[in-house]
């Protein structure tokens, strides 16, 4: 399991427009990108490698 201590979590700028169903992303740690539910910050987080995260984001519809 990756250590997410020191993660700088950020929420999408679109989070206020979708009823609060958002994720937070932390991409400031070396070698990992953390993703968690913005409504449950103390809950579990998913961890991706930077290459996998970039591939995912590249295929998200409507991203700017």
PDB file of N, CA and C in Angstrom:
ATOM      1  N   UNK A   1       0.844  -1.178   0.000  1.00  0.00           N
ATOM      2  CA  UNK A   1       0.000   0.000   0.000  1.00  0.00           C
ATOM      3  C   UNK A   1       0.890   1.242   0.000  1.00  0.00           C
ATOM      4  N   UNK A   2       0.524   2.207  -0.803  1.00  0.00           N
ATOM      5  CA  UNK A   2       1.293   3.446  -0.920  1.00  0.00           C
ATOM      6  C   UNK A   2       1.047   4.342   0.289  1.00  0.00           C
ATOM      7  N   UNK A   3       2.069   5.046   0.682  1.00  0.00           N
ATOM      8  CA  UNK A   3       1.972   6.007   1.778  1.00  0.00           C
ATOM      9  C   UNK A   3       1.507   7.346   1.198  1.00  0.00           C
ATOM     10  N   UNK A   4       0.317   7.771   1.575  1.00  0.00           N
ATOM     11  CA  UNK A   4      -0.236   9.028   1.070  1.00  0.00           C
ATOM     12  C   UNK A   4      -0.073  10.171   2.074  1.00  0.00           C
ATOM     13  N   UNK A   5       0.795   9.963   3.069  1.00  0.00           N
ATOM     14  CA  UNK A   5       1.104  11.036   4.003  1.00  0.00           C
ATOM     15  C   UNK A   5       1.699  12.202   3.233  1.00  0.00           C
ATOM     16  N   UNK A   6       1.185  13.391   3.461  1.00  0.00           N
ATOM     17  CA  UNK A   6       1.680  14.566   2.758  1.00  0.00           C
ATOM     18  C   UNK A   6       0.982  14.830   1.441  1.00  0.00           C
ATOM     19  N   UNK A   7      -0.044  14.020   1.139  1.00  0.00           N
ATOM     20  CA  UNK A   7      -0.776  14.226  -0.109  1.00  0.00           C
ATOM     21  C   UNK A   7      -1.476  15.582  -0.080  1.00  0.00           C
ATOM     22  N   UNK A   8      -1.397  16.288  -1.183  1.00  0.00           N
ATOM     23  CA  UNK A   8      -2.063  17.575  -1.354  1.00  0.00           C
ATOM     24  C   UNK A   8      -3.315  17.324  -2.193  1.00  0.00           C
ATOM     25  N   UNK A   9      -4.445  17.086  -1.507  1.00  0.00           N
ATOM     26  CA  UNK A   9      -5.682  16.713  -2.172  1.00  0.00           C
ATOM     27  C   UNK A   9      -6.353  17.938  -2.784  1.00  0.00           C
ATOM     28  N   UNK A  10      -6.835  17.782  -4.009  1.00  0.00           N
ATOM     29  CA  UNK A  10      -7.579  18.865  -4.661  1.00  0.00           C
ATOM     30  C   UNK A  10      -8.854  18.286  -5.249  1.00  0.00           C
ATOM     31  N   UNK A  11      -9.881  19.119  -5.267  1.00  0.00           N
ATOM     32  CA  UNK A  11     -11.187  18.728  -5.773  1.00  0.00           C
ATOM     33  C   UNK A  11     -11.413  19.385  -7.123  1.00  0.00           C
ATOM     34  N   UNK A  12     -12.113  18.716  -7.979  1.00  0.00           N
ATOM     35  CA  UNK A  12     -12.426  19.247  -9.293  1.00  0.00           C
ATOM     36  C   UNK A  12     -13.153  20.580  -9.184  1.00  0.00           C
ATOM     37  N   UNK A  13     -12.874  21.470 -10.104  1.00  0.00           N
ATOM     38  CA  UNK A  13     -13.588  22.748 -10.139  1.00  0.00           C
ATOM     39  C   UNK A  13     -15.047  22.537 -10.524  1.00  0.00           C
ATOM     40  N   UNK A  14     -15.381  21.380 -11.054  1.00  0.00           N
ATOM     41  CA  UNK A  14     -16.762  21.061 -11.426  1.00  0.00           C
ATOM     42  C   UNK A  14     -17.531  20.402 -10.289  1.00  0.00           C
ATOM     43  N   UNK A  15     -16.931  20.254  -9.128  1.00  0.00           N
ATOM     44  CA  UNK A  15     -17.555  19.501  -8.041  1.00  0.00           C
ATOM     45  C   UNK A  15     -18.838  20.135  -7.525  1.00  0.00           C
ATOM     46  N   UNK A  16     -18.965  21.437  -7.590  1.00  0.00           N
ATOM     47  CA  UNK A  16     -20.178  22.078  -7.077  1.00  0.00           C
ATOM     48  C   UNK A  16     -21.346  21.943  -8.045  1.00  0.00           C
ATOM     49  N   UNK A  17     -21.100  21.510  -9.254  1.00  0.00           N
ATOM     50  CA  UNK A  17     -22.168  21.457 -10.251  1.00  0.00           C
ATOM     51  C   UNK A  17     -22.785  20.072 -10.435  1.00  0.00           C
ATOM     52  N   UNK A  18     -22.315  19.078  -9.683  1.00  0.00           N
ATOM     53  CA  UNK A  18     -22.852  17.730  -9.912  1.00  0.00           C
ATOM     54  C   UNK A  18     -23.427  17.090  -8.655  1.00  0.00           C
ATOM     55  N   UNK A  19     -23.895  17.876  -7.725  1.00  0.00           N
ATOM     56  CA  UNK A  19     -24.527  17.326  -6.534  1.00  0.00           C
ATOM     57  C   UNK A  19     -23.570  16.736  -5.524  1.00  0.00           C
ATOM     58  N   UNK A  20     -22.305  17.067  -5.602  1.00  0.00           N
ATOM     59  CA  UNK A  20     -21.334  16.598  -4.625  1.00  0.00           C
ATOM     60  C   UNK A  20     -20.747  15.232  -4.902  1.00  0.00           C
ATOM     61  N   UNK A  21     -21.019  14.654  -6.055  1.00  0.00           N
ATOM     62  CA  UNK A  21     -20.466  13.347  -6.396  1.00  0.00           C
ATOM     63  C   UNK A  21     -19.112  13.544  -7.056  1.00  0.00           C
ATOM     64  N   UNK A  22     -18.099  13.776  -6.241  1.00  0.00           N
ATOM     65  CA  UNK A  22     -16.784  14.095  -6.789  1.00  0.00           C
ATOM     66  C   UNK A  22     -15.677  13.301  -6.130  1.00  0.00           C
ATOM     67  N   UNK A  23     -14.568  13.343  -6.787  1.00  0.00           N
ATOM     68  CA  UNK A  23     -13.358  12.744  -6.248  1.00  0.00           C
ATOM     69  C   UNK A  23     -12.337  13.838  -5.993  1.00  0.00           C
ATOM     70  N   UNK A  24     -11.386  13.512  -5.145  1.00  0.00           N
ATOM     71  CA  UNK A  24     -10.229  14.370  -4.921  1.00  0.00           C
ATOM     72  C   UNK A  24      -9.012  13.626  -5.431  1.00  0.00           C
ATOM     73  N   UNK A  25      -8.078  14.366  -5.962  1.00  0.00           N
ATOM     74  CA  UNK A  25      -6.869  13.784  -6.533  1.00  0.00           C
ATOM     75  C   UNK A  25      -5.657  14.414  -5.862  1.00  0.00           C
ATOM     76  N   UNK A  26      -4.678  13.585  -5.561  1.00  0.00           N
ATOM     77  CA  UNK A  26      -3.394  14.058  -5.044  1.00  0.00           C
ATOM     78  C   UNK A  26      -2.312  13.563  -5.985  1.00  0.00           C
ATOM     79  N   UNK A  27      -1.676  14.495  -6.683  1.00  0.00           N
ATOM     80  CA  UNK A  27      -0.629  14.100  -7.635  1.00  0.00           C
ATOM     81  C   UNK A  27       0.706  14.745  -7.305  1.00  0.00           C
ATOM     82  N   UNK A  28       0.885  15.091  -6.043  1.00  0.00           N
ATOM     83  CA  UNK A  28       2.127  15.739  -5.628  1.00  0.00           C
ATOM     84  C   UNK A  28       3.149  14.766  -5.028  1.00  0.00           C
ATOM     85  N   UNK A  29       2.833  13.498  -4.954  1.00  0.00           N
ATOM     86  CA  UNK A  29       3.750  12.524  -4.360  1.00  0.00           C
ATOM     87  C   UNK A  29       4.519  11.796  -5.461  1.00  0.00           C
ATOM     88  N   UNK A  30       5.779  11.485  -5.220  1.00  0.00           N
ATOM     89  CA  UNK A  30       6.576  10.834  -6.265  1.00  0.00           C
ATOM     90  C   UNK A  30       6.082   9.414  -6.570  1.00  0.00           C
ATOM     91  N   UNK A  31       5.777   9.176  -7.839  1.00  0.00           N
ATOM     92  CA  UNK A  31       5.460   7.831  -8.299  1.00  0.00           C
ATOM     93  C   UNK A  31       4.043   7.358  -8.085  1.00  0.00           C
ATOM     94  N   UNK A  32       3.176   8.158  -7.449  1.00  0.00           N
ATOM     95  CA  UNK A  32       1.795   7.729  -7.228  1.00  0.00           C
ATOM     96  C   UNK A  32       0.828   8.896  -7.419  1.00  0.00           C
ATOM     97  N   UNK A  33      -0.397   8.543  -7.792  1.00  0.00           N
ATOM     98  CA  UNK A  33      -1.501   9.497  -7.835  1.00  0.00           C
ATOM     99  C   UNK A  33      -2.606   8.887  -6.984  1.00  0.00           C
ATOM    100  N   UNK A  34      -3.031   9.607  -5.950  1.00  0.00           N
ATOM    101  CA  UNK A  34      -4.097   9.140  -5.075  1.00  0.00           C
ATOM    102  C   UNK A  34      -5.430   9.702  -5.519  1.00  0.00           C
ATOM    103  N   UNK A  35      -6.484   8.897  -5.358  1.00  0.00           N
ATOM    104  CA  UNK A  35      -7.839   9.316  -5.699  1.00  0.00           C
ATOM    105  C   UNK A  35      -8.747   8.852  -4.558  1.00  0.00           C
ATOM    106  N   UNK A  36      -9.589   9.786  -4.066  1.00  0.00           N
ATOM    107  CA  UNK A  36     -10.499   9.419  -2.988  1.00  0.00           C
ATOM    108  C   UNK A  36     -11.844  10.126  -3.161  1.00  0.00           C
ATOM    109  N   UNK A  37     -12.843   9.642  -2.449  1.00  0.00           N
ATOM    110  CA  UNK A  37     -14.180  10.220  -2.454  1.00  0.00           C
ATOM    111  C   UNK A  37     -14.151  11.514  -1.648  1.00  0.00           C
ATOM    112  N   UNK A  38     -14.572  12.610  -2.258  1.00  0.00           N
ATOM    113  CA  UNK A  38     -14.529  13.900  -1.559  1.00  0.00           C
ATOM    114  C   UNK A  38     -15.479  13.944  -0.370  1.00  0.00           C
ATOM    115  N   UNK A  39     -16.500  13.097  -0.356  1.00  0.00           N
ATOM    116  CA  UNK A  39     -17.434  13.064   0.763  1.00  0.00           C
ATOM    117  C   UNK A  39     -16.919  12.203   1.914  1.00  0.00           C
ATOM    118  N   UNK A  40     -15.860  11.451   1.704  1.00  0.00           N
ATOM    119  CA  UNK A  40     -15.316  10.559   2.729  1.00  0.00           C
ATOM    120  C   UNK A  40     -13.796  10.650   2.744  1.00  0.00           C
ATOM    121  N   UNK A  41     -13.248  11.811   3.105  1.00  0.00           N
ATOM    122  CA  UNK A  41     -11.793  11.977   3.039  1.00  0.00           C
ATOM    123  C   UNK A  41     -11.003  11.053   3.969  1.00  0.00           C
ATOM    124  N   UNK A  42     -11.639  10.534   5.000  1.00  0.00           N
ATOM    125  CA  UNK A  42     -10.943   9.604   5.895  1.00  0.00           C
ATOM    126  C   UNK A  42     -11.060   8.160   5.409  1.00  0.00           C
ATOM    127  N   UNK A  43     -11.831   7.953   4.354  1.00  0.00           N
ATOM    128  CA  UNK A  43     -12.033   6.608   3.825  1.00  0.00           C
ATOM    129  C   UNK A  43     -10.878   6.154   2.960  1.00  0.00           C
ATOM    130  N   UNK A  44     -11.074   5.041   2.270  1.00  0.00           N
ATOM    131  CA  UNK A  44     -10.000   4.477   1.444  1.00  0.00           C
ATOM    132  C   UNK A  44      -9.693   5.343   0.221  1.00  0.00           C
ATOM    133  N   UNK A  45      -8.508   5.161  -0.300  1.00  0.00           N
ATOM    134  CA  UNK A  45      -8.081   5.861  -1.514  1.00  0.00           C
ATOM    135  C   UNK A  45      -7.560   4.838  -2.513  1.00  0.00           C
ATOM    136  N   UNK A  46      -7.774   5.118  -3.769  1.00  0.00           N
ATOM    137  CA  UNK A  46      -7.179   4.324  -4.837  1.00  0.00           C
ATOM    138  C   UNK A  46      -5.830   4.940  -5.172  1.00  0.00           C
ATOM    139  N   UNK A  47      -4.901   4.119  -5.610  1.00  0.00           N
ATOM    140  CA  UNK A  47      -3.573   4.604  -5.968  1.00  0.00           C
ATOM    141  C   UNK A  47      -3.235   4.116  -7.373  1.00  0.00           C
ATOM    142  N   UNK A  48      -2.806   5.058  -8.206  1.00  0.00           N
ATOM    143  CA  UNK A  48      -2.431   4.769  -9.581  1.00  0.00           C
ATOM    144  C   UNK A  48      -1.004   5.221  -9.826  1.00  0.00           C
ATOM    145  N   UNK A  49      -0.349   4.602 -10.760  1.00  0.00           N
ATOM    146  CA  UNK A  49       0.925   5.104 -11.235  1.00  0.00           C
ATOM    147  C   UNK A  49       0.663   6.299 -12.143  1.00  0.00           C
ATOM    148  N   UNK A  50       1.615   7.203 -12.283  1.00  0.00           N
ATOM    149  CA  UNK A  50       1.408   8.392 -13.116  1.00  0.00           C
ATOM    150  C   UNK A  50       1.041   8.082 -14.573  1.00  0.00           C
ATOM    151  N   UNK A  51       1.631   7.066 -15.159  1.00  0.00           N
ATOM    152  CA  UNK A  51       1.330   6.729 -16.556  1.00  0.00           C
ATOM    153  C   UNK A  51      -0.118   6.246 -16.679  1.00  0.00           C
ATOM    154  N   UNK A  52      -0.545   5.390 -15.770  1.00  0.00           N
ATOM    155  CA  UNK A  52      -1.922   4.890 -15.794  1.00  0.00           C
ATOM    156  C   UNK A  52      -2.910   6.037 -15.570  1.00  0.00           C
ATOM    157  N   UNK A  53      -2.588   6.958 -14.667  1.00  0.00           N
ATOM    158  CA  UNK A  53      -3.476   8.085 -14.402  1.00  0.00           C
ATOM    159  C   UNK A  53      -3.599   8.987 -15.641  1.00  0.00           C
ATOM    160  N   UNK A  54      -2.486   9.280 -16.284  1.00  0.00           N
ATOM    161  CA  UNK A  54      -2.534  10.114 -17.497  1.00  0.00           C
ATOM    162  C   UNK A  54      -3.362   9.437 -18.593  1.00  0.00           C
ATOM    163  N   UNK A  55      -3.232   8.136 -18.734  1.00  0.00           N
ATOM    164  CA  UNK A  55      -4.015   7.405 -19.733  1.00  0.00           C
ATOM    165  C   UNK A  55      -5.500   7.479 -19.405  1.00  0.00           C
ATOM    166  N   UNK A  56      -5.856   7.338 -18.139  1.00  0.00           N
ATOM    167  CA  UNK A  56      -7.249   7.446 -17.732  1.00  0.00           C
ATOM    168  C   UNK A  56      -7.801   8.830 -18.028  1.00  0.00           C
ATOM    169  N   UNK A  57      -7.107   9.866 -17.591  1.00  0.00           N
ATOM    170  CA  UNK A  57      -7.564  11.243 -17.772  1.00  0.00           C
ATOM    171  C   UNK A  57      -7.696  11.590 -19.261  1.00  0.00           C
ATOM    172  N   UNK A  58      -6.821  11.057 -20.079  1.00  0.00           N
ATOM    173  CA  UNK A  58      -6.887  11.330 -21.512  1.00  0.00           C
ATOM    174  C   UNK A  58      -8.174  10.821 -22.144  1.00  0.00           C
ATOM    175  N   UNK A  59      -8.833   9.865 -21.489  1.00  0.00           N
ATOM    176  CA  UNK A  59     -10.057   9.278 -22.051  1.00  0.00           C
ATOM    177  C   UNK A  59     -11.322   9.722 -21.332  1.00  0.00           C
ATOM    178  N   UNK A  60     -11.222  10.660 -20.418  1.00  0.00           N
ATOM    179  CA  UNK A  60     -12.395  11.157 -19.705  1.00  0.00           C
ATOM    180  C   UNK A  60     -13.152  12.120 -20.623  1.00  0.00           C
ATOM    181  N   UNK A  61     -14.421  11.841 -20.894  1.00  0.00           N
ATOM    182  CA  UNK A  61     -15.191  12.734 -21.772  1.00  0.00           C
ATOM    183  C   UNK A  61     -15.375  14.118 -21.126  1.00  0.00           C
ATOM    184  N   UNK A  62     -15.323  15.141 -21.931  1.00  0.00           N
ATOM    185  CA  UNK A  62     -15.609  16.495 -21.481  1.00  0.00           C
ATOM    186  C   UNK A  62     -14.542  17.160 -20.647  1.00  0.00           C
ATOM    187  N   UNK A  63     -13.383  16.567 -20.574  1.00  0.00           N
ATOM    188  CA  UNK A  63     -12.324  17.224 -19.782  1.00  0.00           C
ATOM    189  C   UNK A  63     -11.798  18.417 -20.570  1.00  0.00           C
ATOM    190  N   UNK A  64     -11.385  19.429 -19.823  1.00  0.00           N
ATOM    191  CA  UNK A  64     -10.882  20.641 -20.491  1.00  0.00           C
ATOM    192  C   UNK A  64      -9.394  20.741 -20.355  1.00  0.00           C
TER     193      UNK A  64
END
